[in-house]
């Protein structure tokens, strides 16, 4: 009877170990996914800032041209 219990203990230990490894793999996967997502968001934000800056420069240029034309006509 005692040897039969040792078999169950081994199976229980192996099952617990497999759960532990699964949790570790899940945490590492989530950490990696978080890093990739953060990099993608930073890249998209930099692109957004660049587009905003270009639009602001374009608006400032157009406003400057309009102001110069108004002053030249008056």
N, C-alpha and C. Protein backbone atom coordinates (compact mmCIF):
# COMPACT_ATOMS: atom_id res chain seq x y z
N UNK A 1 0.82 -1.19 0.00
CA UNK A 1 0.00 0.00 0.00
C UNK A 1 0.87 1.26 0.00
N UNK A 2 1.99 1.21 0.71
CA UNK A 2 2.86 2.36 0.81
C UNK A 2 3.50 2.69 -0.54
N UNK A 3 3.87 1.68 -1.31
CA UNK A 3 4.49 1.93 -2.61
C UNK A 3 3.47 2.54 -3.58
N UNK A 4 2.21 2.18 -3.44
CA UNK A 4 1.17 2.76 -4.27
C UNK A 4 1.02 4.26 -3.97
N UNK A 5 1.14 4.65 -2.73
CA UNK A 5 1.04 6.06 -2.33
C UNK A 5 2.22 6.85 -2.89
N UNK A 6 3.39 6.24 -2.95
CA UNK A 6 4.55 6.92 -3.52
C UNK A 6 4.30 7.25 -4.98
N UNK A 7 3.63 6.38 -5.71
CA UNK A 7 3.32 6.63 -7.10
C UNK A 7 2.40 7.84 -7.25
N UNK A 8 1.40 7.92 -6.38
CA UNK A 8 0.50 9.07 -6.41
C UNK A 8 1.25 10.35 -6.06
N UNK A 9 2.16 10.25 -5.11
CA UNK A 9 2.94 11.43 -4.73
C UNK A 9 3.79 11.90 -5.90
N UNK A 10 4.38 10.98 -6.63
CA UNK A 10 5.18 11.34 -7.79
C UNK A 10 4.31 12.00 -8.86
N UNK A 11 3.16 11.43 -9.11
CA UNK A 11 2.25 12.00 -10.11
C UNK A 11 1.78 13.38 -9.66
N UNK A 12 1.46 13.54 -8.40
CA UNK A 12 1.04 14.84 -7.88
C UNK A 12 2.17 15.86 -8.00
N UNK A 13 3.37 15.43 -7.70
CA UNK A 13 4.52 16.33 -7.81
C UNK A 13 4.76 16.75 -9.25
N UNK A 14 4.68 15.80 -10.17
CA UNK A 14 4.87 16.12 -11.57
C UNK A 14 3.77 17.04 -12.09
N UNK A 15 2.54 16.82 -11.65
CA UNK A 15 1.44 17.68 -12.06
C UNK A 15 1.65 19.10 -11.52
N UNK A 16 2.05 19.22 -10.26
CA UNK A 16 2.31 20.54 -9.68
C UNK A 16 3.45 21.23 -10.41
N UNK A 17 4.47 20.47 -10.76
CA UNK A 17 5.60 21.04 -11.50
C UNK A 17 5.16 21.53 -12.88
N UNK A 18 4.31 20.77 -13.55
CA UNK A 18 3.83 21.19 -14.88
C UNK A 18 2.98 22.45 -14.76
N UNK A 19 2.19 22.59 -13.72
CA UNK A 19 1.41 23.81 -13.50
C UNK A 19 2.35 24.97 -13.25
N UNK A 20 3.37 24.75 -12.44
CA UNK A 20 4.35 25.79 -12.16
C UNK A 20 5.05 26.26 -13.43
N UNK A 21 5.48 25.34 -14.27
CA UNK A 21 6.15 25.67 -15.52
C UNK A 21 5.18 26.42 -16.44
N UNK A 22 3.93 26.00 -16.48
CA UNK A 22 2.93 26.68 -17.31
C UNK A 22 2.75 28.13 -16.87
N UNK A 23 2.72 28.36 -15.58
CA UNK A 23 2.58 29.73 -15.06
C UNK A 23 3.81 30.55 -15.42
N UNK A 24 4.99 29.99 -15.29
CA UNK A 24 6.22 30.71 -15.65
C UNK A 24 6.21 31.07 -17.13
N UNK A 25 5.84 30.13 -17.99
CA UNK A 25 5.79 30.39 -19.43
C UNK A 25 4.76 31.48 -19.73
N UNK A 26 3.62 31.44 -19.07
CA UNK A 26 2.60 32.46 -19.26
C UNK A 26 3.11 33.84 -18.86
N UNK A 27 3.78 33.94 -17.73
CA UNK A 27 4.31 35.22 -17.27
C UNK A 27 5.37 35.77 -18.23
N UNK A 28 6.25 34.91 -18.69
CA UNK A 28 7.28 35.35 -19.63
C UNK A 28 6.65 35.80 -20.95
N UNK A 29 5.64 35.08 -21.41
CA UNK A 29 4.95 35.45 -22.65
C UNK A 29 4.27 36.81 -22.50
N UNK A 30 3.60 37.02 -21.38
CA UNK A 30 2.93 38.29 -21.15
C UNK A 30 3.94 39.43 -21.03
N UNK A 31 5.06 39.19 -20.40
CA UNK A 31 6.10 40.21 -20.28
C UNK A 31 6.64 40.60 -21.66
N UNK A 32 6.87 39.60 -22.50
CA UNK A 32 7.36 39.86 -23.85
C UNK A 32 6.32 40.61 -24.67
N UNK A 33 5.07 40.20 -24.57
CA UNK A 33 3.99 40.86 -25.29
C UNK A 33 3.85 42.31 -24.84
N UNK A 34 3.99 42.54 -23.55
CA UNK A 34 3.92 43.90 -23.02
C UNK A 34 5.04 44.76 -23.60
N UNK A 35 6.24 44.23 -23.68
CA UNK A 35 7.37 44.98 -24.24
C UNK A 35 7.15 45.31 -25.70
N UNK A 36 6.67 44.35 -26.48
CA UNK A 36 6.42 44.59 -27.90
C UNK A 36 5.32 45.62 -28.08
N UNK A 37 4.27 45.54 -27.27
CA UNK A 37 3.17 46.49 -27.37
C UNK A 37 3.64 47.89 -27.00
N UNK A 38 4.45 48.00 -25.97
CA UNK A 38 4.97 49.30 -25.56
C UNK A 38 5.82 49.92 -26.67
N UNK A 39 6.65 49.13 -27.32
CA UNK A 39 7.48 49.64 -28.42
C UNK A 39 6.61 50.09 -29.60
N UNK A 40 5.56 49.32 -29.90
CA UNK A 40 4.67 49.69 -31.00
C UNK A 40 3.94 50.99 -30.68
N UNK A 41 3.48 51.15 -29.45
CA UNK A 41 2.79 52.37 -29.06
C UNK A 41 3.73 53.56 -29.11
N UNK A 42 4.96 53.40 -28.65
CA UNK A 42 5.94 54.49 -28.71
C UNK A 42 6.22 54.90 -30.16
N UNK A 43 6.33 53.92 -31.05
CA UNK A 43 6.58 54.20 -32.46
C UNK A 43 5.41 54.96 -33.07
N UNK A 44 4.19 54.50 -32.78
CA UNK A 44 3.01 55.18 -33.31
C UNK A 44 2.89 56.59 -32.74
N UNK A 45 3.26 56.77 -31.49
CA UNK A 45 3.20 58.11 -30.88
C UNK A 45 4.21 59.04 -31.53
N UNK A 46 5.41 58.55 -31.80
CA UNK A 46 6.41 59.37 -32.48
C UNK A 46 5.95 59.76 -33.88
N UNK A 47 5.30 58.83 -34.59
CA UNK A 47 4.77 59.15 -35.91
C UNK A 47 3.67 60.21 -35.79
N UNK A 48 2.82 60.09 -34.78
CA UNK A 48 1.76 61.06 -34.56
C UNK A 48 2.34 62.44 -34.28
N UNK A 49 3.36 62.50 -33.42
CA UNK A 49 4.00 63.78 -33.09
C UNK A 49 4.62 64.39 -34.35
N UNK A 50 5.24 63.57 -35.17
CA UNK A 50 5.86 64.05 -36.40
C UNK A 50 4.80 64.63 -37.35
N UNK A 51 3.70 63.94 -37.50
CA UNK A 51 2.62 64.43 -38.37
C UNK A 51 2.05 65.73 -37.82
N UNK A 52 1.84 65.79 -36.51
CA UNK A 52 1.33 67.01 -35.88
C UNK A 52 2.28 68.18 -36.12
N UNK A 53 3.56 67.94 -35.95
CA UNK A 53 4.56 68.99 -36.14
C UNK A 53 4.55 69.49 -37.58
N UNK A 54 4.48 68.57 -38.53
CA UNK A 54 4.44 68.96 -39.95
C UNK A 54 3.19 69.77 -40.26
N UNK A 55 2.06 69.38 -39.68
CA UNK A 55 0.82 70.11 -39.92
C UNK A 55 0.89 71.51 -39.31
N UNK A 56 1.46 71.63 -38.13
CA UNK A 56 1.59 72.93 -37.49
C UNK A 56 2.52 73.84 -38.29
N UNK A 57 3.62 73.29 -38.78
CA UNK A 57 4.54 74.08 -39.60
C UNK A 57 3.85 74.54 -40.88
N UNK A 58 3.06 73.67 -41.48
CA UNK A 58 2.35 74.02 -42.70
C UNK A 58 1.33 75.13 -42.41
N UNK A 59 0.59 75.01 -41.31
CA UNK A 59 -0.38 76.04 -40.96
C UNK A 59 0.31 77.37 -40.68
N UNK A 60 1.42 77.33 -39.97
CA UNK A 60 2.14 78.56 -39.69
C UNK A 60 2.66 79.20 -40.97
N UNK A 61 3.11 78.41 -41.91
CA UNK A 61 3.60 78.92 -43.18
C UNK A 61 2.46 79.57 -43.96
N UNK A 62 1.31 78.90 -44.01
CA UNK A 62 0.16 79.44 -44.73
C UNK A 62 -0.33 80.74 -44.08
N UNK A 63 -0.37 80.76 -42.75
CA UNK A 63 -0.79 81.97 -42.05
C UNK A 63 0.20 83.12 -42.31
N UNK A 64 1.47 82.81 -42.33
CA UNK A 64 2.49 83.82 -42.60
C UNK A 64 2.35 84.39 -44.01
N UNK A 65 2.10 83.52 -44.97
CA UNK A 65 1.93 83.98 -46.36
C UNK A 65 0.69 84.87 -46.46
N UNK A 66 -0.41 84.43 -45.83
CA UNK A 66 -1.63 85.24 -45.87
C UNK A 66 -1.42 86.60 -45.22
N UNK A 67 -0.72 86.62 -44.10
CA UNK A 67 -0.47 87.89 -43.41
C UNK A 67 0.40 88.81 -44.26
N UNK A 68 1.42 88.28 -44.91
CA UNK A 68 2.28 89.09 -45.77
C UNK A 68 1.51 89.64 -46.95
N UNK A 69 0.63 88.83 -47.54
CA UNK A 69 -0.18 89.30 -48.67
C UNK A 69 -1.14 90.39 -48.24
N UNK A 70 -1.73 90.23 -47.06
CA UNK A 70 -2.65 91.25 -46.55
C UNK A 70 -1.91 92.57 -46.31
N UNK A 71 -0.72 92.47 -45.73
CA UNK A 71 0.07 93.67 -45.47
C UNK A 71 0.54 94.31 -46.77
N UNK A 72 0.86 93.52 -47.76
CA UNK A 72 1.32 94.05 -49.03
C UNK A 72 0.18 94.74 -49.77
N UNK A 73 -1.02 94.26 -49.62
CA UNK A 73 -2.16 94.85 -50.31
C UNK A 73 -2.65 96.12 -49.62
N UNK A 74 -2.38 96.29 -48.37
CA UNK A 74 -2.86 97.48 -47.66
C UNK A 74 -1.87 98.55 -47.71
